[in-house]
C-alpha atoms as a PDB file:
ATOM      1  CA  LEU A   1      -3.271   0.777 -94.638  1.00  0.00           C
ATOM      2  CA  SER A   2      -1.005   3.780 -94.236  1.00  0.00           C
ATOM      3  CA  GLY A   3       2.601   4.762 -93.694  1.00  0.00           C
ATOM      4  CA  ARG A   4       4.236   7.436 -91.553  1.00  0.00           C
ATOM      5  CA  ASP A   5       7.591   9.142 -91.910  1.00  0.00           C
ATOM      6  CA  LEU A   6       8.759   6.887 -94.745  1.00  0.00           C
ATOM      7  CA  VAL A   7      12.262   7.200 -96.138  1.00  0.00           C
ATOM      8  CA  SER A   8      12.822   9.573 -99.056  1.00  0.00           C
ATOM      9  CA  LYS A   9      13.916   7.811-102.247  1.00  0.00           C
ATOM     10  CA  ASP A  10      13.537  10.613-104.807  1.00  0.00           C
ATOM     11  CA  ARG A  11      15.619  13.726-105.490  1.00  0.00           C
ATOM     12  CA  ASN A  12      12.752  15.981-104.392  1.00  0.00           C
ATOM     13  CA  GLY A  13      12.968  14.604-100.835  1.00  0.00           C
ATOM     14  CA  LEU A  14       9.780  12.548-101.224  1.00  0.00           C
ATOM     15  CA  SER A  15       8.775   9.100-102.498  1.00  0.00           C
ATOM     16  CA  ASP A  16       5.990   7.540-104.562  1.00  0.00           C
ATOM     17  CA  PRO A  17       5.173   4.639-102.222  1.00  0.00           C
ATOM     18  CA  PHE A  18       3.109   1.503-102.694  1.00  0.00           C
ATOM     19  CA  VAL A  19       2.892  -1.766-100.729  1.00  0.00           C
ATOM     20  CA  THR A  20       2.863  -5.389-101.835  1.00  0.00           C
ATOM     21  CA  ILE A  21       1.182  -7.880 -99.503  1.00  0.00           C
ATOM     22  CA  LYS A  22       1.813 -11.635 -99.357  1.00  0.00           C
ATOM     23  CA  ILE A  23       0.566 -14.368 -97.033  1.00  0.00           C
ATOM     24  CA  LEU A  24       3.264 -16.621 -95.590  1.00  0.00           C
ATOM     25  CA  ASP A  25       2.976 -19.873 -93.690  1.00  0.00           C
ATOM     26  CA  ALA A  26       4.381 -20.342 -90.171  1.00  0.00           C
ATOM     27  CA  LYS A  27       7.854 -21.036 -91.601  1.00  0.00           C
ATOM     28  CA  GLY A  28       7.825 -17.854 -93.682  1.00  0.00           C
ATOM     29  CA  THR A  29       7.205 -19.562 -97.015  1.00  0.00           C
ATOM     30  CA  ARG A  30       4.849 -17.928 -99.503  1.00  0.00           C
ATOM     31  CA  TYR A  31       1.801 -19.936-100.540  1.00  0.00           C
ATOM     32  CA  PRO A  32       2.007 -20.379-104.334  1.00  0.00           C
ATOM     33  CA  ASN A  33      -1.803 -20.482-104.656  1.00  0.00           C
ATOM     34  CA  ILE A  34      -2.460 -17.187-102.806  1.00  0.00           C
ATOM     35  CA  GLU A  35      -2.102 -14.168-105.063  1.00  0.00           C
ATOM     36  CA  LYS A  36       0.133 -11.287-104.000  1.00  0.00           C
ATOM     37  CA  LYS A  37      -1.801  -8.009-103.672  1.00  0.00           C
ATOM     38  CA  SER A  38      -0.579  -4.472-104.245  1.00  0.00           C
ATOM     39  CA  THR A  39      -1.833  -1.022-103.288  1.00  0.00           C
ATOM     40  CA  LYS A  40      -1.934   1.826-105.758  1.00  0.00           C
ATOM     41  CA  TYR A  41       1.049   4.152-105.584  1.00  0.00           C
ATOM     42  CA  ILE A  42       0.702   7.661-104.217  1.00  0.00           C
ATOM     43  CA  ASN A  43       2.799  10.447-105.715  1.00  0.00           C
ATOM     44  CA  GLU A  44       5.247  12.544-103.721  1.00  0.00           C
ATOM     45  CA  THR A  45       4.575  11.717-100.069  1.00  0.00           C
ATOM     46  CA  LEU A  46       6.281  10.258 -97.024  1.00  0.00           C
ATOM     47  CA  ASN A  47       2.952   9.780 -95.176  1.00  0.00           C
ATOM     48  CA  PRO A  48       0.703   7.817 -97.546  1.00  0.00           C
ATOM     49  CA  VAL A  49      -2.841   6.709 -96.732  1.00  0.00           C
ATOM     50  CA  TRP A  50      -3.933   4.069 -99.218  1.00  0.00           C
ATOM     51  CA  GLY A  51      -7.383   3.367 -97.761  1.00  0.00           C
ATOM     52  CA  GLU A  52      -7.633   0.096 -99.678  1.00  0.00           C
ATOM     53  CA  THR A  53      -9.149  -3.204 -98.566  1.00  0.00           C
ATOM     54  CA  PHE A  54      -7.766  -6.668 -99.314  1.00  0.00           C
ATOM     55  CA  GLN A  55      -9.200 -10.073 -98.468  1.00  0.00           C
ATOM     56  CA  PHE A  56      -7.234 -13.257 -97.847  1.00  0.00           C
ATOM     57  CA  GLN A  57      -8.141 -16.635 -96.398  1.00  0.00           C
ATOM     58  CA  VAL A  58      -5.579 -17.375 -93.691  1.00  0.00           C
ATOM     59  CA  LYS A  59      -4.760 -19.855 -90.957  1.00  0.00           C
ATOM     60  CA  SER A  60      -4.078 -18.776 -87.392  1.00  0.00           C
ATOM     61  CA  THR A  61      -0.401 -19.691 -87.845  1.00  0.00           C
ATOM     62  CA  ASP A  62       0.074 -17.598 -91.014  1.00  0.00           C
ATOM     63  CA  GLN A  63       1.852 -14.273 -91.362  1.00  0.00           C
ATOM     64  CA  VAL A  64       1.240 -11.155 -93.456  1.00  0.00           C
ATOM     65  CA  PHE A  65       4.355  -9.918 -95.255  1.00  0.00           C
ATOM     66  CA  CYS A  66       4.267  -6.292 -96.412  1.00  0.00           C
ATOM     67  CA  ALA A  67       6.966  -4.681 -98.536  1.00  0.00           C
ATOM     68  CA  CYS A  68       6.954  -0.936 -99.167  1.00  0.00           C
ATOM     69  CA  TRP A  69       8.356   0.295-102.486  1.00  0.00           C
ATOM     70  CA  ASP A  70       9.054   3.606-104.193  1.00  0.00           C
ATOM     71  CA  LYS A  71       7.702   3.603-107.754  1.00  0.00           C
ATOM     72  CA  ASP A  72      10.123   4.870-110.369  1.00  0.00           C
ATOM     73  CA  ILE A  73       9.807   5.323-114.109  1.00  0.00           C
ATOM     74  CA  PHE A  74      11.982   2.258-114.656  1.00  0.00           C
ATOM     75  CA  GLY A  75      11.362  -0.055-111.717  1.00  0.00           C
ATOM     76  CA  LYS A  76      11.095   0.374-107.970  1.00  0.00           C
ATOM     77  CA  ASP A  77      13.274   0.937-104.892  1.00  0.00           C
ATOM     78  CA  SER A  78      12.814  -0.952-101.626  1.00  0.00           C
ATOM     79  CA  MET A  79      11.678   1.170 -98.683  1.00  0.00           C
ATOM     80  CA  GLY A  80      11.410  -1.618 -96.097  1.00  0.00           C
ATOM     81  CA  THR A  81       9.412  -4.650 -95.009  1.00  0.00           C
ATOM     82  CA  VAL A  82       7.386  -5.896 -92.068  1.00  0.00           C
ATOM     83  CA  THR A  83       6.068  -9.368 -91.186  1.00  0.00           C
ATOM     84  CA  ILE A  84       2.938  -9.462 -89.023  1.00  0.00           C
ATOM     85  CA  PRO A  85       1.764 -12.680 -87.302  1.00  0.00           C
ATOM     86  CA  ILE A  86      -1.950 -13.307 -87.929  1.00  0.00           C
ATOM     87  CA  PRO A  87      -2.727 -13.708 -84.176  1.00  0.00           C
ATOM     88  CA  SER A  88      -1.589 -10.124 -83.558  1.00  0.00           C
ATOM     89  CA  LEU A  89      -4.392  -8.858 -85.827  1.00  0.00           C
ATOM     90  CA  GLY A  90      -7.149 -10.045 -83.476  1.00  0.00           C
ATOM     91  CA  LEU A  91      -8.950 -12.091 -86.130  1.00  0.00           C
ATOM     92  CA  GLN A  92     -12.080 -14.050 -85.370  1.00  0.00           C
ATOM     93  CA  PRO A  93     -12.914 -17.223 -87.330  1.00  0.00           C
ATOM     94  CA  ARG A  94     -14.408 -16.132 -90.648  1.00  0.00           C
ATOM     95  CA  GLY A  95     -14.054 -12.548 -89.454  1.00  0.00           C
ATOM     96  CA  GLU A  96     -12.153  -9.469 -90.419  1.00  0.00           C
ATOM     97  CA  GLY A  97      -8.858  -8.116 -89.194  1.00  0.00           C
ATOM     98  CA  LYS A  98      -7.483  -4.651 -89.548  1.00  0.00           C
ATOM     99  CA  MET A  99      -3.950  -3.438 -89.921  1.00  0.00           C
ATOM    100  CA  GLY A 100      -3.434   0.147 -88.902  1.00  0.00           C
END
């Protein structure tokens, strides 16, 4: 998981980005029993490479919702979101998918 040319949210012209990841059903509703995951934050960059792995059990009709945030001392600022349909990840039953 990585980001390129992210928006600057800090006074120094950079950001401290991290991503939260949720699994949504076909209607875009979050499953209450599937835990939201989060990457670590990376200091002062607009081109982060998290290099982290997350595992979820999903259905072929599900979606992956990713929100990018800038970490601040007191909270966080939104940097954008993306929703990715599971079929676009090329998953095989009981297999792995990769988001690049």
